[in-house]
C-alpha cells in the first residue's frame, strides 16, 4: 500500500519545514488529483495507522481534497474538465495536455496557537 509511504513523506516534509512546531499541528490538508493514484479512504486509513504508531500526532487530522482532471485544448485555447476519462474538449477535439489532476501536495497546515504568542 503506497499510501503508507505517502503519509510518512508528508510528515517528513513537515518535520523538515516546521521542526519547532510539529507538536502543534492540528490539521493537515492535502490536494490529490484524480490521476495521482491516491484513494482518499486508503490515505485516511494509512494516516490513522501512522498516528496510532506516533502518539504525539494523535490529535492531528487529515483532510483530502480531490481535484478534478483539467486539460487544455490548443484548438480553442480553453481549459476543460475531463469527465469519465474522455479527454475531448467541448469543441470536439481531443487533447492530452493535462494542467490539473496529477498533483499530490500539502495545501495547508493548521497549528495550535503557541501559548507564548499571547
PDB file of N, CA and C in Angstrom:
ATOM      1  N   UNK A   1       0.856  -1.180   0.000  1.00  0.00           N
ATOM      2  CA  UNK A   1       0.000   0.000   0.000  1.00  0.00           C
ATOM      3  C   UNK A   1       0.900   1.241   0.000  1.00  0.00           C
ATOM      4  N   UNK A   2       0.933   1.960  -1.116  1.00  0.00           N
ATOM      5  CA  UNK A   2       1.815   3.121  -1.221  1.00  0.00           C
ATOM      6  C   UNK A   2       1.328   4.320  -0.416  1.00  0.00           C
ATOM      7  N   UNK A   3       0.097   4.268   0.079  1.00  0.00           N
ATOM      8  CA  UNK A   3      -0.433   5.373   0.882  1.00  0.00           C
ATOM      9  C   UNK A   3       0.351   5.534   2.186  1.00  0.00           C
ATOM     10  N   UNK A   4       0.837   4.411   2.747  1.00  0.00           N
ATOM     11  CA  UNK A   4       1.631   4.480   3.976  1.00  0.00           C
ATOM     12  C   UNK A   4       2.906   5.284   3.721  1.00  0.00           C
ATOM     13  N   UNK A   5       3.569   5.015   2.600  1.00  0.00           N
ATOM     14  CA  UNK A   5       4.781   5.762   2.244  1.00  0.00           C
ATOM     15  C   UNK A   5       4.458   7.236   2.016  1.00  0.00           C
ATOM     16  N   UNK A   6       3.319   7.512   1.432  1.00  0.00           N
ATOM     17  CA  UNK A   6       2.914   8.903   1.186  1.00  0.00           C
ATOM     18  C   UNK A   6       2.722   9.636   2.513  1.00  0.00           C
ATOM     19  N   UNK A   7       2.047   8.989   3.460  1.00  0.00           N
ATOM     20  CA  UNK A   7       1.824   9.616   4.770  1.00  0.00           C
ATOM     21  C   UNK A   7       3.156   9.871   5.465  1.00  0.00           C
ATOM     22  N   UNK A   8       4.049   8.916   5.410  1.00  0.00           N
ATOM     23  CA  UNK A   8       5.380   9.110   6.016  1.00  0.00           C
ATOM     24  C   UNK A   8       6.104  10.285   5.341  1.00  0.00           C
ATOM     25  N   UNK A   9       5.983  10.384   4.022  1.00  0.00           N
ATOM     26  CA  UNK A   9       6.606  11.500   3.293  1.00  0.00           C
ATOM     27  C   UNK A   9       5.998  12.840   3.689  1.00  0.00           C
ATOM     28  N   UNK A  10       4.693  12.856   3.902  1.00  0.00           N
ATOM     29  CA  UNK A  10       4.025  14.092   4.340  1.00  0.00           C
ATOM     30  C   UNK A  10       4.625  14.562   5.660  1.00  0.00           C
ATOM     31  N   UNK A  11       4.740  13.638   6.614  1.00  0.00           N
ATOM     32  CA  UNK A  11       5.285  14.015   7.919  1.00  0.00           C
ATOM     33  C   UNK A  11       6.773  14.365   7.832  1.00  0.00           C
ATOM     34  N   UNK A  12       7.526  13.685   6.985  1.00  0.00           N
ATOM     35  CA  UNK A  12       8.944  14.032   6.801  1.00  0.00           C
ATOM     36  C   UNK A  12       9.084  15.439   6.231  1.00  0.00           C
ATOM     37  N   UNK A  13       8.242  15.760   5.263  1.00  0.00           N
ATOM     38  CA  UNK A  13       8.258  17.092   4.665  1.00  0.00           C
ATOM     39  C   UNK A  13       7.934  18.153   5.708  1.00  0.00           C
ATOM     40  N   UNK A  14       6.909  17.894   6.519  1.00  0.00           N
ATOM     41  CA  UNK A  14       6.512  18.862   7.543  1.00  0.00           C
ATOM     42  C   UNK A  14       7.571  18.984   8.636  1.00  0.00           C
ATOM     43  N   UNK A  15       8.208  17.862   8.999  1.00  0.00           N
ATOM     44  CA  UNK A  15       9.275  17.919  10.004  1.00  0.00           C
ATOM     45  C   UNK A  15      10.443  18.764   9.507  1.00  0.00           C
ATOM     46  N   UNK A  16      10.742  18.679   8.222  1.00  0.00           N
ATOM     47  CA  UNK A  16      11.825  19.485   7.653  1.00  0.00           C
ATOM     48  C   UNK A  16      11.436  20.972   7.590  1.00  0.00           C
ATOM     49  N   UNK A  17      10.178  21.236   7.266  1.00  0.00           N
ATOM     50  CA  UNK A  17       9.722  22.626   7.118  1.00  0.00           C
ATOM     51  C   UNK A  17       9.424  23.304   8.453  1.00  0.00           C
ATOM     52  N   UNK A  18       8.918  22.551   9.417  1.00  0.00           N
ATOM     53  CA  UNK A  18       8.480  23.121  10.704  1.00  0.00           C
ATOM     54  C   UNK A  18       9.043  22.326  11.878  1.00  0.00           C
ATOM     55  N   UNK A  19      10.353  22.220  12.015  1.00  0.00           N
ATOM     56  CA  UNK A  19      10.912  21.370  13.066  1.00  0.00           C
ATOM     57  C   UNK A  19      10.522  21.798  14.483  1.00  0.00           C
ATOM     58  N   UNK A  20      10.315  23.079  14.684  1.00  0.00           N
ATOM     59  CA  UNK A  20       9.992  23.576  16.023  1.00  0.00           C
ATOM     60  C   UNK A  20       8.484  23.657  16.298  1.00  0.00           C
ATOM     61  N   UNK A  21       7.659  23.314  15.300  1.00  0.00           N
ATOM     62  CA  UNK A  21       6.206  23.431  15.503  1.00  0.00           C
ATOM     63  C   UNK A  21       5.445  22.123  15.263  1.00  0.00           C
ATOM     64  N   UNK A  22       6.151  21.032  15.058  1.00  0.00           N
ATOM     65  CA  UNK A  22       5.487  19.761  14.744  1.00  0.00           C
ATOM     66  C   UNK A  22       4.516  19.319  15.835  1.00  0.00           C
ATOM     67  N   UNK A  23       4.840  19.624  17.070  1.00  0.00           N
ATOM     68  CA  UNK A  23       3.970  19.207  18.178  1.00  0.00           C
ATOM     69  C   UNK A  23       2.691  20.031  18.257  1.00  0.00           C
ATOM     70  N   UNK A  24       2.570  21.066  17.435  1.00  0.00           N
ATOM     71  CA  UNK A  24       1.374  21.933  17.467  1.00  0.00           C
ATOM     72  C   UNK A  24       0.479  21.770  16.244  1.00  0.00           C
ATOM     73  N   UNK A  25       0.770  20.795  15.382  1.00  0.00           N
ATOM     74  CA  UNK A  25      -0.059  20.617  14.183  1.00  0.00           C
ATOM     75  C   UNK A  25      -1.415  20.044  14.576  1.00  0.00           C
ATOM     76  N   UNK A  26      -2.466  20.753  14.163  1.00  0.00           N
ATOM     77  CA  UNK A  26      -3.831  20.287  14.393  1.00  0.00           C
ATOM     78  C   UNK A  26      -4.393  19.570  13.173  1.00  0.00           C
ATOM     79  N   UNK A  27      -4.107  20.140  12.003  1.00  0.00           N
ATOM     80  CA  UNK A  27      -4.735  19.616  10.785  1.00  0.00           C
ATOM     81  C   UNK A  27      -3.802  19.788   9.594  1.00  0.00           C
ATOM     82  N   UNK A  28      -3.806  18.758   8.757  1.00  0.00           N
ATOM     83  CA  UNK A  28      -3.049  18.797   7.506  1.00  0.00           C
ATOM     84  C   UNK A  28      -4.060  18.629   6.381  1.00  0.00           C
ATOM     85  N   UNK A  29      -4.009  19.540   5.429  1.00  0.00           N
ATOM     86  CA  UNK A  29      -4.892  19.442   4.269  1.00  0.00           C
ATOM     87  C   UNK A  29      -4.031  19.133   3.049  1.00  0.00           C
ATOM     88  N   UNK A  30      -4.444  18.130   2.283  1.00  0.00           N
ATOM     89  CA  UNK A  30      -3.723  17.806   1.060  1.00  0.00           C
ATOM     90  C   UNK A  30      -4.692  17.847  -0.116  1.00  0.00           C
ATOM     91  N   UNK A  31      -4.124  18.103  -1.273  1.00  0.00           N
ATOM     92  CA  UNK A  31      -4.887  18.076  -2.518  1.00  0.00           C
ATOM     93  C   UNK A  31      -4.341  16.937  -3.359  1.00  0.00           C
ATOM     94  N   UNK A  32      -5.263  16.114  -3.859  1.00  0.00           N
ATOM     95  CA  UNK A  32      -4.871  14.963  -4.667  1.00  0.00           C
ATOM     96  C   UNK A  32      -5.658  14.982  -5.966  1.00  0.00           C
ATOM     97  N   UNK A  33      -4.939  15.024  -7.065  1.00  0.00           N
ATOM     98  CA  UNK A  33      -5.586  14.967  -8.370  1.00  0.00           C
ATOM     99  C   UNK A  33      -6.098  13.562  -8.638  1.00  0.00           C
ATOM    100  N   UNK A  34      -7.156  13.465  -9.417  1.00  0.00           N
ATOM    101  CA  UNK A  34      -7.765  12.166  -9.705  1.00  0.00           C
ATOM    102  C   UNK A  34      -6.816  11.209 -10.422  1.00  0.00           C
ATOM    103  N   UNK A  35      -5.777  11.731 -11.057  1.00  0.00           N
ATOM    104  CA  UNK A  35      -4.830  10.867 -11.765  1.00  0.00           C
ATOM    105  C   UNK A  35      -3.611  10.483 -10.921  1.00  0.00           C
ATOM    106  N   UNK A  36      -3.525  10.914  -9.681  1.00  0.00           N
ATOM    107  CA  UNK A  36      -2.325  10.664  -8.881  1.00  0.00           C
ATOM    108  C   UNK A  36      -2.347   9.311  -8.174  1.00  0.00           C
ATOM    109  N   UNK A  37      -3.376   8.530  -8.385  1.00  0.00           N
ATOM    110  CA  UNK A  37      -3.469   7.172  -7.836  1.00  0.00           C
ATOM    111  C   UNK A  37      -3.555   7.120  -6.314  1.00  0.00           C
ATOM    112  N   UNK A  38      -4.131   8.132  -5.704  1.00  0.00           N
ATOM    113  CA  UNK A  38      -4.347   8.121  -4.265  1.00  0.00           C
ATOM    114  C   UNK A  38      -5.841   7.980  -4.009  1.00  0.00           C
ATOM    115  N   UNK A  39      -6.179   6.981  -3.223  1.00  0.00           N
ATOM    116  CA  UNK A  39      -7.570   6.774  -2.839  1.00  0.00           C
ATOM    117  C   UNK A  39      -7.785   7.442  -1.475  1.00  0.00           C
ATOM    118  N   UNK A  40      -8.728   8.378  -1.374  1.00  0.00           N
ATOM    119  CA  UNK A  40      -8.927   9.099  -0.110  1.00  0.00           C
ATOM    120  C   UNK A  40      -9.129   8.187   1.105  1.00  0.00           C
ATOM    121  N   UNK A  41      -9.915   7.147   0.966  1.00  0.00           N
ATOM    122  CA  UNK A  41     -10.158   6.267   2.119  1.00  0.00           C
ATOM    123  C   UNK A  41      -8.884   5.532   2.525  1.00  0.00           C
ATOM    124  N   UNK A  42      -8.076   5.143   1.544  1.00  0.00           N
ATOM    125  CA  UNK A  42      -6.830   4.444   1.856  1.00  0.00           C
ATOM    126  C   UNK A  42      -5.804   5.377   2.494  1.00  0.00           C
ATOM    127  N   UNK A  43      -5.751   6.623   2.038  1.00  0.00           N
ATOM    128  CA  UNK A  43      -4.810   7.572   2.649  1.00  0.00           C
ATOM    129  C   UNK A  43      -5.265   7.919   4.063  1.00  0.00           C
ATOM    130  N   UNK A  44      -6.577   8.000   4.273  1.00  0.00           N
ATOM    131  CA  UNK A  44      -7.094   8.249   5.630  1.00  0.00           C
ATOM    132  C   UNK A  44      -6.746   7.077   6.551  1.00  0.00           C
ATOM    133  N   UNK A  45      -6.905   5.850   6.056  1.00  0.00           N
ATOM    134  CA  UNK A  45      -6.566   4.667   6.857  1.00  0.00           C
ATOM    135  C   UNK A  45      -5.078   4.629   7.176  1.00  0.00           C
ATOM    136  N   UNK A  46      -4.240   4.930   6.193  1.00  0.00           N
ATOM    137  CA  UNK A  46      -2.795   4.956   6.413  1.00  0.00           C
ATOM    138  C   UNK A  46      -2.424   6.051   7.415  1.00  0.00           C
ATOM    139  N   UNK A  47      -3.112   7.181   7.313  1.00  0.00           N
ATOM    140  CA  UNK A  47      -2.867   8.288   8.241  1.00  0.00           C
ATOM    141  C   UNK A  47      -3.217   7.866   9.669  1.00  0.00           C
ATOM    142  N   UNK A  48      -4.376   7.235   9.827  1.00  0.00           N
ATOM    143  CA  UNK A  48      -4.791   6.785  11.162  1.00  0.00           C
ATOM    144  C   UNK A  48      -3.811   5.769  11.743  1.00  0.00           C
ATOM    145  N   UNK A  49      -3.323   4.858  10.906  1.00  0.00           N
ATOM    146  CA  UNK A  49      -2.343   3.866  11.363  1.00  0.00           C
ATOM    147  C   UNK A  49      -1.048   4.559  11.795  1.00  0.00           C
ATOM    148  N   UNK A  50      -0.613   5.553  11.009  1.00  0.00           N
ATOM    149  CA  UNK A  50       0.609   6.290  11.348  1.00  0.00           C
ATOM    150  C   UNK A  50       0.450   7.015  12.675  1.00  0.00           C
ATOM    151  N   UNK A  51      -0.699   7.660  12.878  1.00  0.00           N
ATOM    152  CA  UNK A  51      -0.911   8.432  14.111  1.00  0.00           C
ATOM    153  C   UNK A  51      -0.993   7.501  15.316  1.00  0.00           C
ATOM    154  N   UNK A  52      -1.510   6.304  15.133  1.00  0.00           N
ATOM    155  CA  UNK A  52      -1.535   5.338  16.239  1.00  0.00           C
ATOM    156  C   UNK A  52      -0.118   4.922  16.625  1.00  0.00           C
ATOM    157  N   UNK A  53       0.759   4.798  15.639  1.00  0.00           N
ATOM    158  CA  UNK A  53       2.155   4.445  15.892  1.00  0.00           C
ATOM    159  C   UNK A  53       2.948   5.607  16.485  1.00  0.00           C
ATOM    160  N   UNK A  54       2.473   6.820  16.265  1.00  0.00           N
ATOM    161  CA  UNK A  54       3.191   8.030  16.672  1.00  0.00           C
ATOM    162  C   UNK A  54       2.267   8.863  17.559  1.00  0.00           C
ATOM    163  N   UNK A  55       2.181   8.530  18.853  1.00  0.00           N
ATOM    164  CA  UNK A  55       1.196   9.151  19.747  1.00  0.00           C
ATOM    165  C   UNK A  55       1.225  10.679  19.825  1.00  0.00           C
ATOM    166  N   UNK A  56       2.392  11.316  19.610  1.00  0.00           N
ATOM    167  CA  UNK A  56       2.396  12.779  19.723  1.00  0.00           C
ATOM    168  C   UNK A  56       1.674  13.458  18.555  1.00  0.00           C
ATOM    169  N   UNK A  57       1.230  12.678  17.562  1.00  0.00           N
ATOM    170  CA  UNK A  57       0.399  13.224  16.484  1.00  0.00           C
ATOM    171  C   UNK A  57      -1.060  12.772  16.620  1.00  0.00           C
ATOM    172  N   UNK A  58      -1.413  12.257  17.770  1.00  0.00           N
ATOM    173  CA  UNK A  58      -2.748  11.674  17.978  1.00  0.00           C
ATOM    174  C   UNK A  58      -3.884  12.664  17.716  1.00  0.00           C
ATOM    175  N   UNK A  59      -3.655  13.948  17.947  1.00  0.00           N
ATOM    176  CA  UNK A  59      -4.711  14.950  17.762  1.00  0.00           C
ATOM    177  C   UNK A  59      -4.715  15.568  16.366  1.00  0.00           C
ATOM    178  N   UNK A  60      -3.842  15.086  15.498  1.00  0.00           N
ATOM    179  CA  UNK A  60      -3.727  15.652  14.159  1.00  0.00           C
ATOM    180  C   UNK A  60      -4.770  15.050  13.234  1.00  0.00           C
ATOM    181  N   UNK A  61      -5.398  15.908  12.440  1.00  0.00           N
ATOM    182  CA  UNK A  61      -6.398  15.476  11.461  1.00  0.00           C
ATOM    183  C   UNK A  61      -5.827  15.584  10.056  1.00  0.00           C
ATOM    184  N   UNK A  62      -6.415  14.809   9.154  1.00  0.00           N
ATOM    185  CA  UNK A  62      -6.052  14.898   7.746  1.00  0.00           C
ATOM    186  C   UNK A  62      -7.314  15.133   6.937  1.00  0.00           C
ATOM    187  N   UNK A  63      -7.246  16.094   6.029  1.00  0.00           N
ATOM    188  CA  UNK A  63      -8.347  16.351   5.100  1.00  0.00           C
ATOM    189  C   UNK A  63      -7.806  16.211   3.686  1.00  0.00           C
ATOM    190  N   UNK A  64      -8.509  15.425   2.874  1.00  0.00           N
ATOM    191  CA  UNK A  64      -8.091  15.191   1.498  1.00  0.00           C
ATOM    192  C   UNK A  64      -9.101  15.847   0.557  1.00  0.00           C
ATOM    193  N   UNK A  65      -8.606  16.732  -0.294  1.00  0.00           N
ATOM    194  CA  UNK A  65      -9.442  17.354  -1.316  1.00  0.00           C
ATOM    195  C   UNK A  65      -9.074  16.733  -2.663  1.00  0.00           C
ATOM    196  N   UNK A  66     -10.061  16.130  -3.303  1.00  0.00           N
ATOM    197  CA  UNK A  66      -9.821  15.565  -4.634  1.00  0.00           C
ATOM    198  C   UNK A  66      -9.971  16.651  -5.684  1.00  0.00           C
ATOM    199  N   UNK A  67      -8.999  16.729  -6.565  1.00  0.00           N
ATOM    200  CA  UNK A  67      -9.030  17.729  -7.638  1.00  0.00           C
ATOM    201  C   UNK A  67      -9.413  17.049  -8.952  1.00  0.00           C
ATOM    202  N   UNK A  68     -10.298  17.656  -9.699  1.00  0.00           N
ATOM    203  CA  UNK A  68     -10.702  17.067 -10.980  1.00  0.00           C
ATOM    204  C   UNK A  68      -9.568  17.133 -12.009  1.00  0.00           C
ATOM    205  N   UNK A  69      -9.726  16.371 -13.049  1.00  0.00           N
ATOM    206  CA  UNK A  69      -8.774  16.409 -14.158  1.00  0.00           C
ATOM    207  C   UNK A  69      -9.182  17.558 -15.070  1.00  0.00           C
ATOM    208  N   UNK A  70      -8.235  18.442 -15.337  1.00  0.00           N
ATOM    209  CA  UNK A  70      -8.481  19.569 -16.232  1.00  0.00           C
ATOM    210  C   UNK A  70      -7.406  19.521 -17.318  1.00  0.00           C
ATOM    211  N   UNK A  71      -7.843  19.649 -18.549  1.00  0.00           N
ATOM    212  CA  UNK A  71      -6.921  19.650 -19.689  1.00  0.00           C
ATOM    213  C   UNK A  71      -7.084  20.957 -20.461  1.00  0.00           C
ATOM    214  N   UNK A  72      -6.083  21.227 -21.285  1.00  0.00           N
ATOM    215  CA  UNK A  72      -6.092  22.421 -22.123  1.00  0.00           C
ATOM    216  C   UNK A  72      -6.295  21.982 -23.569  1.00  0.00           C
ATOM    217  N   UNK A  73      -7.181  22.673 -24.270  1.00  0.00           N
ATOM    218  CA  UNK A  73      -7.437  22.393 -25.681  1.00  0.00           C
ATOM    219  C   UNK A  73      -6.728  23.448 -26.526  1.00  0.00           C
ATOM    220  N   UNK A  74      -5.684  23.056 -27.262  1.00  0.00           N
ATOM    221  CA  UNK A  74      -4.991  24.032 -28.101  1.00  0.00           C
ATOM    222  C   UNK A  74      -5.833  24.497 -29.291  1.00  0.00           C
ATOM    223  N   UNK A  75      -6.824  23.716 -29.662  1.00  0.00           N
ATOM    224  CA  UNK A  75      -7.662  24.096 -30.804  1.00  0.00           C
ATOM    225  C   UNK A  75      -8.513  25.321 -30.512  1.00  0.00           C
ATOM    226  N   UNK A  76      -9.106  25.365 -29.323  1.00  0.00           N
ATOM    227  CA  UNK A  76      -9.962  26.511 -28.995  1.00  0.00           C
ATOM    228  C   UNK A  76      -9.398  27.354 -27.847  1.00  0.00           C
ATOM    229  N   UNK A  77      -8.185  26.996 -27.383  1.00  0.00           N
ATOM    230  CA  UNK A  77      -7.487  27.743 -26.327  1.00  0.00           C
ATOM    231  C   UNK A  77      -8.293  27.855 -25.040  1.00  0.00           C
ATOM    232  N   UNK A  78      -8.950  26.753 -24.650  1.00  0.00           N
ATOM    233  CA  UNK A  78      -9.734  26.737 -23.418  1.00  0.00           C
ATOM    234  C   UNK A  78      -9.357  25.523 -22.579  1.00  0.00           C
ATOM    235  N   UNK A  79      -9.563  25.684 -21.274  1.00  0.00           N
ATOM    236  CA  UNK A  79      -9.426  24.556 -20.363  1.00  0.00           C
ATOM    237  C   UNK A  79     -10.767  23.843 -20.281  1.00  0.00           C
ATOM    238  N   UNK A  80     -10.726  22.523 -20.094  1.00  0.00           N
ATOM    239  CA  UNK A  80     -11.965  21.769 -19.928  1.00  0.00           C
ATOM    240  C   UNK A  80     -11.756  20.658 -18.915  1.00  0.00           C
ATOM    241  N   UNK A  81     -12.823  20.321 -18.205  1.00  0.00           N
ATOM    242  CA  UNK A  81     -12.761  19.234 -17.237  1.00  0.00           C
ATOM    243  C   UNK A  81     -12.938  17.907 -17.960  1.00  0.00           C
ATOM    244  N   UNK A  82     -12.073  16.975 -17.625  1.00  0.00           N
ATOM    245  CA  UNK A  82     -12.128  15.644 -18.213  1.00  0.00           C
ATOM    246  C   UNK A  82     -13.112  14.816 -17.386  1.00  0.00           C
ATOM    247  N   UNK A  83     -14.159  14.350 -18.038  1.00  0.00           N
ATOM    248  CA  UNK A  83     -15.163  13.536 -17.359  1.00  0.00           C
ATOM    249  C   UNK A  83     -15.173  12.138 -17.948  1.00  0.00           C
ATOM    250  N   UNK A  84     -15.279  11.154 -17.069  1.00  0.00           N
ATOM    251  CA  UNK A  84     -15.337   9.749 -17.495  1.00  0.00           C
ATOM    252  C   UNK A  84     -14.129   9.362 -18.353  1.00  0.00           C
ATOM    253  N   UNK A  85     -12.990   9.956 -18.051  1.00  0.00           N
ATOM    254  CA  UNK A  85     -11.718   9.688 -18.755  1.00  0.00           C
ATOM    255  C   UNK A  85     -11.802   9.939 -20.257  1.00  0.00           C
ATOM    256  N   UNK A  86     -12.659  10.875 -20.648  1.00  0.00           N
ATOM    257  CA  UNK A  86     -12.752  11.286 -22.054  1.00  0.00           C
ATOM    258  C   UNK A  86     -12.011  12.623 -22.187  1.00  0.00           C
ATOM    259  N   UNK A  87     -10.858  12.568 -22.782  1.00  0.00           N
ATOM    260  CA  UNK A  87     -10.018  13.742 -22.963  1.00  0.00           C
ATOM    261  C   UNK A  87     -10.404  14.467 -24.251  1.00  0.00           C
ATOM    262  N   UNK A  88     -11.676  14.850 -24.316  1.00  0.00           N
ATOM    263  CA  UNK A  88     -12.203  15.523 -25.501  1.00  0.00           C
ATOM    264  C   UNK A  88     -12.856  16.826 -25.048  1.00  0.00           C
ATOM    265  N   UNK A  89     -12.433  17.909 -25.662  1.00  0.00           N
ATOM    266  CA  UNK A  89     -12.957  19.238 -25.344  1.00  0.00           C
ATOM    267  C   UNK A  89     -14.405  19.367 -25.842  1.00  0.00           C
ATOM    268  N   UNK A  90     -15.076  20.390 -25.365  1.00  0.00           N
ATOM    269  CA  UNK A  90     -16.420  20.696 -25.830  1.00  0.00           C
ATOM    270  C   UNK A  90     -16.475  21.010 -27.314  1.00  0.00           C
ATOM    271  N   UNK A  91     -15.347  21.430 -27.879  1.00  0.00           N
ATOM    272  CA  UNK A  91     -15.299  21.722 -29.315  1.00  0.00           C
ATOM    273  C   UNK A  91     -15.157  20.445 -30.145  1.00  0.00           C
ATOM    274  N   UNK A  92     -14.988  19.301 -29.451  1.00  0.00           N
ATOM    275  CA  UNK A  92     -14.897  18.014 -30.146  1.00  0.00           C
ATOM    276  C   UNK A  92     -13.485  17.534 -30.420  1.00  0.00           C
ATOM    277  N   UNK A  93     -12.481  18.339 -30.117  1.00  0.00           N
ATOM    278  CA  UNK A  93     -11.084  17.962 -30.375  1.00  0.00           C
ATOM    279  C   UNK A  93     -10.492  17.263 -29.143  1.00  0.00           C
ATOM    280  N   UNK A  94      -9.730  16.198 -29.357  1.00  0.00           N
ATOM    281  CA  UNK A  94      -9.059  15.531 -28.226  1.00  0.00           C
ATOM    282  C   UNK A  94      -7.829  16.322 -27.787  1.00  0.00           C
ATOM    283  N   UNK A  95      -7.454  16.161 -26.526  1.00  0.00           N
ATOM    284  CA  UNK A  95      -6.252  16.815 -26.006  1.00  0.00           C
ATOM    285  C   UNK A  95      -5.672  15.974 -24.881  1.00  0.00           C
ATOM    286  N   UNK A  96      -4.354  15.897 -24.847  1.00  0.00           N
ATOM    287  CA  UNK A  96      -3.676  15.201 -23.763  1.00  0.00           C
ATOM    288  C   UNK A  96      -2.850  16.164 -22.906  1.00  0.00           C
ATOM    289  N   UNK A  97      -3.131  17.452 -23.020  1.00  0.00           N
ATOM    290  CA  UNK A  97      -2.396  18.468 -22.271  1.00  0.00           C
ATOM    291  C   UNK A  97      -3.049  18.687 -20.904  1.00  0.00           C
ATOM    292  N   UNK A  98      -2.648  17.872 -19.959  1.00  0.00           N
ATOM    293  CA  UNK A  98      -3.223  17.916 -18.611  1.00  0.00           C
ATOM    294  C   UNK A  98      -2.617  19.087 -17.846  1.00  0.00           C
ATOM    295  N   UNK A  99      -3.468  19.917 -17.262  1.00  0.00           N
ATOM    296  CA  UNK A  99      -2.968  21.036 -16.461  1.00  0.00           C
ATOM    297  C   UNK A  99      -3.309  20.861 -14.978  1.00  0.00           C
ATOM    298  N   UNK A 100      -4.211  19.946 -14.664  1.00  0.00           N
ATOM    299  CA  UNK A 100      -4.538  19.642 -13.273  1.00  0.00           C
ATOM    300  C   UNK A 100      -5.033  18.210 -13.214  1.00  0.00           C
ATOM    301  N   UNK A 101      -4.686  17.543 -12.107  1.00  0.00           N
ATOM    302  CA  UNK A 101      -5.192  16.199 -11.897  1.00  0.00           C
ATOM    303  C   UNK A 101      -4.127  15.174 -11.556  1.00  0.00           C
ATOM    304  N   UNK A 102      -2.860  15.544 -11.732  1.00  0.00           N
ATOM    305  CA  UNK A 102      -1.766  14.620 -11.436  1.00  0.00           C
ATOM    306  C   UNK A 102      -1.059  14.943 -10.117  1.00  0.00           C
ATOM    307  N   UNK A 103      -1.397  16.069  -9.506  1.00  0.00           N
ATOM    308  CA  UNK A 103      -0.661  16.557  -8.347  1.00  0.00           C
ATOM    309  C   UNK A 103      -1.083  15.867  -7.041  1.00  0.00           C
ATOM    310  N   UNK A 104      -0.158  15.870  -6.120  1.00  0.00           N
ATOM    311  CA  UNK A 104      -0.404  15.460  -4.740  1.00  0.00           C
ATOM    312  C   UNK A 104       0.432  16.413  -3.904  1.00  0.00           C
ATOM    313  N   UNK A 105      -0.233  17.295  -3.165  1.00  0.00           N
ATOM    314  CA  UNK A 105       0.513  18.317  -2.438  1.00  0.00           C
ATOM    315  C   UNK A 105      -0.153  18.649  -1.103  1.00  0.00           C
ATOM    316  N   UNK A 106       0.682  19.108  -0.202  1.00  0.00           N
ATOM    317  CA  UNK A 106       0.195  19.638   1.068  1.00  0.00           C
ATOM    318  C   UNK A 106      -0.285  21.050   0.764  1.00  0.00           C
ATOM    319  N   UNK A 107      -1.554  21.292   0.973  1.00  0.00           N
ATOM    320  CA  UNK A 107      -2.090  22.609   0.632  1.00  0.00           C
ATOM    321  C   UNK A 107      -2.202  23.548   1.828  1.00  0.00           C
ATOM    322  N   UNK A 108      -2.317  22.955   3.031  1.00  0.00           N
ATOM    323  CA  UNK A 108      -2.487  23.810   4.207  1.00  0.00           C
ATOM    324  C   UNK A 108      -2.109  23.022   5.457  1.00  0.00           C
ATOM    325  N   UNK A 109      -1.492  23.720   6.408  1.00  0.00           N
ATOM    326  CA  UNK A 109      -1.175  23.138   7.707  1.00  0.00           C
ATOM    327  C   UNK A 109      -1.703  24.097   8.760  1.00  0.00           C
ATOM    328  N   UNK A 110      -2.515  23.583   9.655  1.00  0.00           N
ATOM    329  CA  UNK A 110      -3.097  24.417  10.709  1.00  0.00           C
ATOM    330  C   UNK A 110      -2.444  24.027  12.038  1.00  0.00           C
ATOM    331  N   UNK A 111      -1.943  25.041  12.751  1.00  0.00           N
ATOM    332  CA  UNK A 111      -1.250  24.830  14.012  1.00  0.00           C
ATOM    333  C   UNK A 111      -2.083  25.337  15.185  1.00  0.00           C
ATOM    334  N   UNK A 112      -1.883  24.722  16.344  1.00  0.00           N
ATOM    335  CA  UNK A 112      -2.424  25.267  17.590  1.00  0.00           C
ATOM    336  C   UNK A 112      -1.649  26.543  17.876  1.00  0.00           C
ATOM    337  N   UNK A 113      -2.315  27.552  18.428  1.00  0.00           N
ATOM    338  CA  UNK A 113      -1.571  28.766  18.783  1.00  0.00           C
ATOM    339  C   UNK A 113      -0.543  28.447  19.868  1.00  0.00           C
ATOM    340  N   UNK A 114       0.579  29.088  19.789  1.00  0.00           N
ATOM    341  CA  UNK A 114       1.619  28.950  20.806  1.00  0.00           C
ATOM    342  C   UNK A 114       1.208  29.777  22.008  1.00  0.00           C
ATOM    343  N   UNK A 115       1.288  29.191  23.209  1.00  0.00           N
ATOM    344  CA  UNK A 115       0.896  29.929  24.422  1.00  0.00           C
ATOM    345  C   UNK A 115       1.718  31.192  24.604  1.00  0.00           C
ATOM    346  N   UNK A 116       2.948  31.207  24.077  1.00  0.00           N
ATOM    347  CA  UNK A 116       3.815  32.376  24.213  1.00  0.00           C
ATOM    348  C   UNK A 116       3.449  33.499  23.266  1.00  0.00           C
ATOM    349  N   UNK A 117       2.552  33.227  22.299  1.00  0.00           N
ATOM    350  CA  UNK A 117       2.184  34.247  21.317  1.00  0.00           C
ATOM    351  C   UNK A 117       1.151  35.224  21.852  1.00  0.00           C
ATOM    352  N   UNK A 118       0.588  34.944  23.005  1.00  0.00           N
ATOM    353  CA  UNK A 118      -0.445  35.831  23.552  1.00  0.00           C
ATOM    354  C   UNK A 118       0.057  36.646  24.696  1.00  0.00           C
TER     355      UNK A 118
END
